[in-house]
Amino acid sequence: MFKNKFLALVIILYIGSYCIWSRIAIQQSEVYGFTGQYFFIPEPTWQWRVNNYSVVMMYYPLIFIDDDFHIACEPSYSLQRGN
């Protein structure tokens, strides 16, 4: 009986945390003008890549179901300076 309640709690926390994070990511993409969503604001660092894509992998089953969330490709960072 305890295992069933614990499993239900874990599933509720998993889905609830995805709902919160994904809506924040969608809101950030609208503010910054991204064509897709990132869980973290993009930075040209390995730490950002690991963090963002780890969260993507963790939530991938829910991302697959969610019609509103679209994973963005990693941005290309230019080596040229702007004028």
PDB file of N, CA and C in Angstrom:
ATOM      1  N   MET A   1       0.824  -1.197   0.000  1.00  0.00           N
ATOM      2  CA  MET A   1       0.000   0.000   0.000  1.00  0.00           C
ATOM      3  C   MET A   1       0.866   1.257   0.000  1.00  0.00           C
ATOM      4  N   PHE A   2       1.947   1.235   0.796  1.00  0.00           N
ATOM      5  CA  PHE A   2       2.842   2.381   0.860  1.00  0.00           C
ATOM      6  C   PHE A   2       3.531   2.617  -0.481  1.00  0.00           C
ATOM      7  N   LYS A   3       3.900   1.527  -1.171  1.00  0.00           N
ATOM      8  CA  LYS A   3       4.573   1.646  -2.460  1.00  0.00           C
ATOM      9  C   LYS A   3       3.677   2.326  -3.489  1.00  0.00           C
ATOM     10  N   ASN A   4       2.393   2.006  -3.471  1.00  0.00           N
ATOM     11  CA  ASN A   4       1.459   2.612  -4.421  1.00  0.00           C
ATOM     12  C   ASN A   4       1.313   4.112  -4.174  1.00  0.00           C
ATOM     13  N   LYS A   5       1.233   4.501  -2.921  1.00  0.00           N
ATOM     14  CA  LYS A   5       1.106   5.918  -2.587  1.00  0.00           C
ATOM     15  C   LYS A   5       2.396   6.674  -2.945  1.00  0.00           C
ATOM     16  N   PHE A   6       3.525   6.050  -2.671  1.00  0.00           N
ATOM     17  CA  PHE A   6       4.798   6.673  -2.996  1.00  0.00           C
ATOM     18  C   PHE A   6       4.947   6.835  -4.512  1.00  0.00           C
ATOM     19  N   LEU A   7       4.595   5.810  -5.259  1.00  0.00           N
ATOM     20  CA  LEU A   7       4.660   5.875  -6.711  1.00  0.00           C
ATOM     21  C   LEU A   7       3.722   6.954  -7.257  1.00  0.00           C
ATOM     22  N   ALA A   8       2.533   7.041  -6.716  1.00  0.00           N
ATOM     23  CA  ALA A   8       1.590   8.081  -7.132  1.00  0.00           C
ATOM     24  C   ALA A   8       2.135   9.472  -6.833  1.00  0.00           C
ATOM     25  N   LEU A   9       2.762   9.639  -5.682  1.00  0.00           N
ATOM     26  CA  LEU A   9       3.356  10.922  -5.320  1.00  0.00           C
ATOM     27  C   LEU A   9       4.493  11.299  -6.274  1.00  0.00           C
ATOM     28  N   VAL A  10       5.346  10.337  -6.598  1.00  0.00           N
ATOM     29  CA  VAL A  10       6.457  10.589  -7.521  1.00  0.00           C
ATOM     30  C   VAL A  10       5.925  10.979  -8.895  1.00  0.00           C
ATOM     31  N   ILE A  11       4.908  10.301  -9.381  1.00  0.00           N
ATOM     32  CA  ILE A  11       4.324  10.621 -10.692  1.00  0.00           C
ATOM     33  C   ILE A  11       3.694  12.009 -10.676  1.00  0.00           C
ATOM     34  N   ILE A  12       2.990  12.341  -9.619  1.00  0.00           N
ATOM     35  CA  ILE A  12       2.366  13.673  -9.507  1.00  0.00           C
ATOM     36  C   ILE A  12       3.435  14.761  -9.467  1.00  0.00           C
ATOM     37  N   LEU A  13       4.516  14.544  -8.718  1.00  0.00           N
ATOM     38  CA  LEU A  13       5.602  15.521  -8.657  1.00  0.00           C
ATOM     39  C   LEU A  13       6.303  15.651 -10.008  1.00  0.00           C
ATOM     40  N   TYR A  14       6.495  14.556 -10.705  1.00  0.00           N
ATOM     41  CA  TYR A  14       7.130  14.558 -12.028  1.00  0.00           C
ATOM     42  C   TYR A  14       6.298  15.370 -13.023  1.00  0.00           C
ATOM     43  N   ILE A  15       5.027  15.080 -13.101  1.00  0.00           N
ATOM     44  CA  ILE A  15       4.150  15.790 -14.032  1.00  0.00           C
ATOM     45  C   ILE A  15       3.982  17.249 -13.609  1.00  0.00           C
ATOM     46  N   GLY A  16       3.822  17.494 -12.327  1.00  0.00           N
ATOM     47  CA  GLY A  16       3.663  18.868 -11.836  1.00  0.00           C
ATOM     48  C   GLY A  16       4.885  19.724 -12.093  1.00  0.00           C
ATOM     49  N   SER A  17       6.071  19.162 -11.851  1.00  0.00           N
ATOM     50  CA  SER A  17       7.285  19.937 -12.101  1.00  0.00           C
ATOM     51  C   SER A  17       7.454  20.210 -13.593  1.00  0.00           C
ATOM     52  N   TYR A  18       7.083  19.263 -14.438  1.00  0.00           N
ATOM     53  CA  TYR A  18       7.149  19.510 -15.881  1.00  0.00           C
ATOM     54  C   TYR A  18       6.195  20.628 -16.284  1.00  0.00           C
ATOM     55  N   CYS A  19       5.002  20.610 -15.749  1.00  0.00           N
ATOM     56  CA  CYS A  19       4.022  21.651 -16.089  1.00  0.00           C
ATOM     57  C   CYS A  19       4.560  23.037 -15.726  1.00  0.00           C
ATOM     58  N   ILE A  20       5.177  23.164 -14.586  1.00  0.00           N
ATOM     59  CA  ILE A  20       5.720  24.456 -14.160  1.00  0.00           C
ATOM     60  C   ILE A  20       6.904  24.861 -15.043  1.00  0.00           C
ATOM     61  N   TRP A  21       7.888  23.965 -15.206  1.00  0.00           N
ATOM     62  CA  TRP A  21       9.084  24.293 -15.990  1.00  0.00           C
ATOM     63  C   TRP A  21       8.757  24.567 -17.449  1.00  0.00           C
ATOM     64  N   SER A  22       7.878  23.785 -18.033  1.00  0.00           N
ATOM     65  CA  SER A  22       7.581  23.965 -19.455  1.00  0.00           C
ATOM     66  C   SER A  22       6.855  25.280 -19.705  1.00  0.00           C
ATOM     67  N   ARG A  23       5.960  25.676 -18.808  1.00  0.00           N
ATOM     68  CA  ARG A  23       5.252  26.952 -18.996  1.00  0.00           C
ATOM     69  C   ARG A  23       6.213  28.135 -18.820  1.00  0.00           C
ATOM     70  N   ILE A  24       7.169  28.015 -17.906  1.00  0.00           N
ATOM     71  CA  ILE A  24       8.188  29.061 -17.761  1.00  0.00           C
ATOM     72  C   ILE A  24       9.032  29.128 -19.034  1.00  0.00           C
ATOM     73  N   ALA A  25       9.410  27.990 -19.588  1.00  0.00           N
ATOM     74  CA  ALA A  25      10.212  27.959 -20.811  1.00  0.00           C
ATOM     75  C   ALA A  25       9.443  28.561 -21.984  1.00  0.00           C
ATOM     76  N   ILE A  26       8.159  28.286 -22.083  1.00  0.00           N
ATOM     77  CA  ILE A  26       7.342  28.854 -23.155  1.00  0.00           C
ATOM     78  C   ILE A  26       7.259  30.369 -22.997  1.00  0.00           C
ATOM     79  N   GLN A  27       7.084  30.825 -21.773  1.00  0.00           N
ATOM     80  CA  GLN A  27       7.020  32.269 -21.519  1.00  0.00           C
ATOM     81  C   GLN A  27       8.350  32.932 -21.857  1.00  0.00           C
ATOM     82  N   GLN A  28       9.468  32.322 -21.491  1.00  0.00           N
ATOM     83  CA  GLN A  28      10.782  32.879 -21.810  1.00  0.00           C
ATOM     84  C   GLN A  28      11.010  32.933 -23.318  1.00  0.00           C
ATOM     85  N   SER A  29      10.544  31.931 -24.032  1.00  0.00           N
ATOM     86  CA  SER A  29      10.739  31.939 -25.480  1.00  0.00           C
ATOM     87  C   SER A  29       9.966  33.080 -26.133  1.00  0.00           C
ATOM     88  N   GLU A  30       8.815  33.424 -25.579  1.00  0.00           N
ATOM     89  CA  GLU A  30       8.059  34.557 -26.107  1.00  0.00           C
ATOM     90  C   GLU A  30       8.758  35.881 -25.787  1.00  0.00           C
ATOM     91  N   VAL A  31       9.319  36.000 -24.593  1.00  0.00           N
ATOM     92  CA  VAL A  31      10.002  37.231 -24.188  1.00  0.00           C
ATOM     93  C   VAL A  31      11.263  37.448 -25.022  1.00  0.00           C
ATOM     94  N   TYR A  32      12.071  36.395 -25.206  1.00  0.00           N
ATOM     95  CA  TYR A  32      13.349  36.527 -25.900  1.00  0.00           C
ATOM     96  C   TYR A  32      13.241  36.295 -27.407  1.00  0.00           C
ATOM     97  N   GLY A  33      12.087  35.865 -27.892  1.00  0.00           N
ATOM     98  CA  GLY A  33      11.899  35.665 -29.318  1.00  0.00           C
ATOM     99  C   GLY A  33      12.524  34.393 -29.857  1.00  0.00           C
ATOM    100  N   PHE A  34      12.645  33.354 -29.037  1.00  0.00           N
ATOM    101  CA  PHE A  34      13.178  32.081 -29.505  1.00  0.00           C
ATOM    102  C   PHE A  34      12.138  31.373 -30.363  1.00  0.00           C
ATOM    103  N   THR A  35      12.599  30.551 -31.305  1.00  0.00           N
ATOM    104  CA  THR A  35      11.670  29.796 -32.144  1.00  0.00           C
ATOM    105  C   THR A  35      11.227  28.500 -31.477  1.00  0.00           C
ATOM    106  N   GLY A  36      11.917  28.068 -30.464  1.00  0.00           N
ATOM    107  CA  GLY A  36      11.553  26.894 -29.684  1.00  0.00           C
ATOM    108  C   GLY A  36      11.772  27.199 -28.219  1.00  0.00           C
ATOM    109  N   GLN A  37      11.643  26.179 -27.377  1.00  0.00           N
ATOM    110  CA  GLN A  37      11.791  26.401 -25.949  1.00  0.00           C
ATOM    111  C   GLN A  37      13.064  25.751 -25.410  1.00  0.00           C
ATOM    112  N   TYR A  38      13.678  26.447 -24.456  1.00  0.00           N
ATOM    113  CA  TYR A  38      14.818  25.945 -23.701  1.00  0.00           C
ATOM    114  C   TYR A  38      14.414  25.940 -22.226  1.00  0.00           C
ATOM    115  N   PHE A  39      14.918  24.971 -21.457  1.00  0.00           N
ATOM    116  CA  PHE A  39      14.647  24.975 -20.028  1.00  0.00           C
ATOM    117  C   PHE A  39      15.500  26.000 -19.301  1.00  0.00           C
ATOM    118  N   PHE A  40      16.644  26.354 -19.890  1.00  0.00           N
ATOM    119  CA  PHE A  40      17.517  27.383 -19.345  1.00  0.00           C
ATOM    120  C   PHE A  40      17.838  28.358 -20.470  1.00  0.00           C
ATOM    121  N   ILE A  41      18.053  29.617 -20.140  1.00  0.00           N
ATOM    122  CA  ILE A  41      18.398  30.612 -21.151  1.00  0.00           C
ATOM    123  C   ILE A  41      19.745  30.216 -21.759  1.00  0.00           C
ATOM    124  N   PRO A  42      19.817  30.140 -23.098  1.00  0.00           N
ATOM    125  CA  PRO A  42      21.038  29.645 -23.759  1.00  0.00           C
ATOM    126  C   PRO A  42      22.289  30.460 -23.449  1.00  0.00           C
ATOM    127  N   GLU A  43      23.359  29.731 -23.217  1.00  0.00           N
ATOM    128  CA  GLU A  43      24.685  30.303 -23.014  1.00  0.00           C
ATOM    129  C   GLU A  43      25.670  29.420 -23.774  1.00  0.00           C
ATOM    130  N   PRO A  44      26.754  29.974 -24.283  1.00  0.00           N
ATOM    131  CA  PRO A  44      27.716  29.152 -25.032  1.00  0.00           C
ATOM    132  C   PRO A  44      28.680  28.384 -24.114  1.00  0.00           C
ATOM    133  N   THR A  45      28.127  27.585 -23.210  1.00  0.00           N
ATOM    134  CA  THR A  45      28.964  26.820 -22.280  1.00  0.00           C
ATOM    135  C   THR A  45      28.540  25.352 -22.284  1.00  0.00           C
ATOM    136  N   TRP A  46      29.478  24.480 -21.907  1.00  0.00           N
ATOM    137  CA  TRP A  46      29.161  23.064 -21.789  1.00  0.00           C
ATOM    138  C   TRP A  46      28.198  22.818 -20.636  1.00  0.00           C
ATOM    139  N   GLN A  47      28.308  23.616 -19.590  1.00  0.00           N
ATOM    140  CA  GLN A  47      27.419  23.449 -18.440  1.00  0.00           C
ATOM    141  C   GLN A  47      25.971  23.676 -18.848  1.00  0.00           C
ATOM    142  N   TRP A  48      25.734  24.694 -19.684  1.00  0.00           N
ATOM    143  CA  TRP A  48      24.369  24.943 -20.154  1.00  0.00           C
ATOM    144  C   TRP A  48      23.869  23.758 -20.962  1.00  0.00           C
ATOM    145  N   ARG A  49      24.712  23.246 -21.861  1.00  0.00           N
ATOM    146  CA  ARG A  49      24.303  22.109 -22.696  1.00  0.00           C
ATOM    147  C   ARG A  49      23.932  20.905 -21.835  1.00  0.00           C
ATOM    148  N   VAL A  50      24.774  20.597 -20.867  1.00  0.00           N
ATOM    149  CA  VAL A  50      24.514  19.447 -20.002  1.00  0.00           C
ATOM    150  C   VAL A  50      23.225  19.659 -19.210  1.00  0.00           C
ATOM    151  N   ASN A  51      23.068  20.832 -18.622  1.00  0.00           N
ATOM    152  CA  ASN A  51      21.871  21.109 -17.823  1.00  0.00           C
ATOM    153  C   ASN A  51      20.605  21.063 -18.673  1.00  0.00           C
ATOM    154  N   ASN A  52      20.608  21.778 -19.797  1.00  0.00           N
ATOM    155  CA  ASN A  52      19.406  21.870 -20.617  1.00  0.00           C
ATOM    156  C   ASN A  52      19.011  20.503 -21.186  1.00  0.00           C
ATOM    157  N   TYR A  53      19.972  19.796 -21.772  1.00  0.00           N
ATOM    158  CA  TYR A  53      19.630  18.532 -22.410  1.00  0.00           C
ATOM    159  C   TYR A  53      19.406  17.405 -21.415  1.00  0.00           C
ATOM    160  N   SER A  54      19.922  17.516 -20.205  1.00  0.00           N
ATOM    161  CA  SER A  54      19.580  16.542 -19.157  1.00  0.00           C
ATOM    162  C   SER A  54      18.115  16.674 -18.774  1.00  0.00           C
ATOM    163  N   VAL A  55      17.662  17.914 -18.654  1.00  0.00           N
ATOM    164  CA  VAL A  55      16.248  18.141 -18.324  1.00  0.00           C
ATOM    165  C   VAL A  55      15.363  17.701 -19.488  1.00  0.00           C
ATOM    166  N   VAL A  56      15.805  17.957 -20.713  1.00  0.00           N
ATOM    167  CA  VAL A  56      15.037  17.504 -21.884  1.00  0.00           C
ATOM    168  C   VAL A  56      14.890  15.986 -21.861  1.00  0.00           C
ATOM    169  N   MET A  57      15.983  15.274 -21.599  1.00  0.00           N
ATOM    170  CA  MET A  57      15.914  13.810 -21.556  1.00  0.00           C
ATOM    171  C   MET A  57      15.024  13.320 -20.421  1.00  0.00           C
ATOM    172  N   MET A  58      15.080  13.992 -19.282  1.00  0.00           N
ATOM    173  CA  MET A  58      14.270  13.588 -18.139  1.00  0.00           C
ATOM    174  C   MET A  58      12.779  13.734 -18.449  1.00  0.00           C
ATOM    175  N   TYR A  59      12.417  14.821 -19.126  1.00  0.00           N
ATOM    176  CA  TYR A  59      11.010  15.091 -19.398  1.00  0.00           C
ATOM    177  C   TYR A  59      10.561  14.664 -20.798  1.00  0.00           C
ATOM    178  N   TYR A  60      11.413  13.965 -21.542  1.00  0.00           N
ATOM    179  CA  TYR A  60      11.074  13.657 -22.931  1.00  0.00           C
ATOM    180  C   TYR A  60       9.725  12.964 -23.115  1.00  0.00           C
ATOM    181  N   PRO A  61       9.338  12.008 -22.276  1.00  0.00           N
ATOM    182  CA  PRO A  61       8.010  11.405 -22.471  1.00  0.00           C
ATOM    183  C   PRO A  61       6.875  12.438 -22.397  1.00  0.00           C
ATOM    184  N   LEU A  62       6.991  13.405 -21.511  1.00  0.00           N
ATOM    185  CA  LEU A  62       5.947  14.424 -21.394  1.00  0.00           C
ATOM    186  C   LEU A  62       6.050  15.450 -22.518  1.00  0.00           C
ATOM    187  N   ILE A  63       7.281  15.761 -22.958  1.00  0.00           N
ATOM    188  CA  ILE A  63       7.461  16.682 -24.078  1.00  0.00           C
ATOM    189  C   ILE A  63       6.832  16.077 -25.326  1.00  0.00           C
ATOM    190  N   PHE A  64       6.985  14.776 -25.509  1.00  0.00           N
ATOM    191  CA  PHE A  64       6.419  14.078 -26.664  1.00  0.00           C
ATOM    192  C   PHE A  64       4.893  14.201 -26.694  1.00  0.00           C
ATOM    193  N   ILE A  65       4.272  14.198 -25.536  1.00  0.00           N
ATOM    194  CA  ILE A  65       2.813  14.292 -25.434  1.00  0.00           C
ATOM    195  C   ILE A  65       2.333  15.732 -25.551  1.00  0.00           C
ATOM    196  N   ASP A  66       3.109  16.684 -25.055  1.00  0.00           N
ATOM    197  CA  ASP A  66       2.709  18.090 -24.975  1.00  0.00           C
ATOM    198  C   ASP A  66       2.780  18.758 -26.351  1.00  0.00           C
ATOM    199  N   ASP A  67       1.644  19.242 -26.846  1.00  0.00           N
ATOM    200  CA  ASP A  67       1.595  19.913 -28.146  1.00  0.00           C
ATOM    201  C   ASP A  67       2.121  21.338 -28.094  1.00  0.00           C
ATOM    202  N   ASP A  68       2.136  21.959 -26.929  1.00  0.00           N
ATOM    203  CA  ASP A  68       2.558  23.356 -26.806  1.00  0.00           C
ATOM    204  C   ASP A  68       4.069  23.521 -26.688  1.00  0.00           C
ATOM    205  N   PHE A  69       4.777  22.461 -26.308  1.00  0.00           N
ATOM    206  CA  PHE A  69       6.213  22.574 -26.047  1.00  0.00           C
ATOM    207  C   PHE A  69       6.995  22.034 -27.230  1.00  0.00           C
ATOM    208  N   HIS A  70       7.898  22.844 -27.753  1.00  0.00           N
ATOM    209  CA  HIS A  70       8.743  22.452 -28.883  1.00  0.00           C
ATOM    210  C   HIS A  70      10.194  22.692 -28.507  1.00  0.00           C
ATOM    211  N   ILE A  71      10.995  21.638 -28.510  1.00  0.00           N
ATOM    212  CA  ILE A  71      12.402  21.743 -28.134  1.00  0.00           C
ATOM    213  C   ILE A  71      13.139  22.531 -29.209  1.00  0.00           C
ATOM    214  N   ALA A  72      13.890  23.518 -28.794  1.00  0.00           N
ATOM    215  CA  ALA A  72      14.675  24.318 -29.727  1.00  0.00           C
ATOM    216  C   ALA A  72      16.034  23.666 -29.947  1.00  0.00           C
ATOM    217  N   CYS A  73      16.552  23.845 -31.140  1.00  0.00           N
ATOM    218  CA  CYS A  73      17.921  23.417 -31.423  1.00  0.00           C
ATOM    219  C   CYS A  73      18.878  24.356 -30.708  1.00  0.00           C
ATOM    220  N   GLU A  74      20.069  23.866 -30.488  1.00  0.00           N
ATOM    221  CA  GLU A  74      21.067  24.708 -29.841  1.00  0.00           C
ATOM    222  C   GLU A  74      21.375  25.902 -30.740  1.00  0.00           C
ATOM    223  N   PRO A  75      21.395  27.098 -30.180  1.00  0.00           N
ATOM    224  CA  PRO A  75      21.680  28.279 -31.011  1.00  0.00           C
ATOM    225  C   PRO A  75      23.113  28.257 -31.523  1.00  0.00           C
ATOM    226  N   SER A  76      23.304  28.833 -32.699  1.00  0.00           N
ATOM    227  CA  SER A  76      24.676  28.952 -33.221  1.00  0.00           C
ATOM    228  C   SER A  76      25.227  30.297 -32.768  1.00  0.00           C
ATOM    229  N   TYR A  77      26.329  30.247 -32.112  1.00  0.00           N
ATOM    230  CA  TYR A  77      26.950  31.464 -31.605  1.00  0.00           C
ATOM    231  C   TYR A  77      27.989  31.922 -32.615  1.00  0.00           C
ATOM    232  N   SER A  78      27.869  33.135 -33.039  1.00  0.00           N
ATOM    233  CA  SER A  78      28.754  33.687 -34.043  1.00  0.00           C
ATOM    234  C   SER A  78      30.072  34.124 -33.402  1.00  0.00           C
ATOM    235  N   LEU A  79      31.137  33.974 -34.151  1.00  0.00           N
ATOM    236  CA  LEU A  79      32.445  34.428 -33.680  1.00  0.00           C
ATOM    237  C   LEU A  79      32.729  35.855 -34.109  1.00  0.00           C
ATOM    238  N   GLN A  80      31.856  36.410 -34.923  1.00  0.00           N
ATOM    239  CA  GLN A  80      32.037  37.777 -35.396  1.00  0.00           C
ATOM    240  C   GLN A  80      31.409  38.749 -34.420  1.00  0.00           C
ATOM    241  N   ARG A  81      32.021  39.923 -34.340  1.00  0.00           N
ATOM    242  CA  ARG A  81      31.465  40.977 -33.498  1.00  0.00           C
ATOM    243  C   ARG A  81      30.416  41.737 -34.285  1.00  0.00           C
ATOM    244  N   GLY A  82      29.400  42.156 -33.586  1.00  0.00           N
ATOM    245  CA  GLY A  82      28.376  42.998 -34.216  1.00  0.00           C
ATOM    246  C   GLY A  82      28.879  44.412 -34.397  1.00  0.00           C
ATOM    247  N   ASN A  83      28.353  45.101 -35.389  1.00  0.00           N
ATOM    248  CA  ASN A  83      28.764  46.496 -35.643  1.00  0.00           C
ATOM    249  C   ASN A  83      27.880  47.448 -34.900  1.00  0.00           C
TER     250      ASN A  83
END
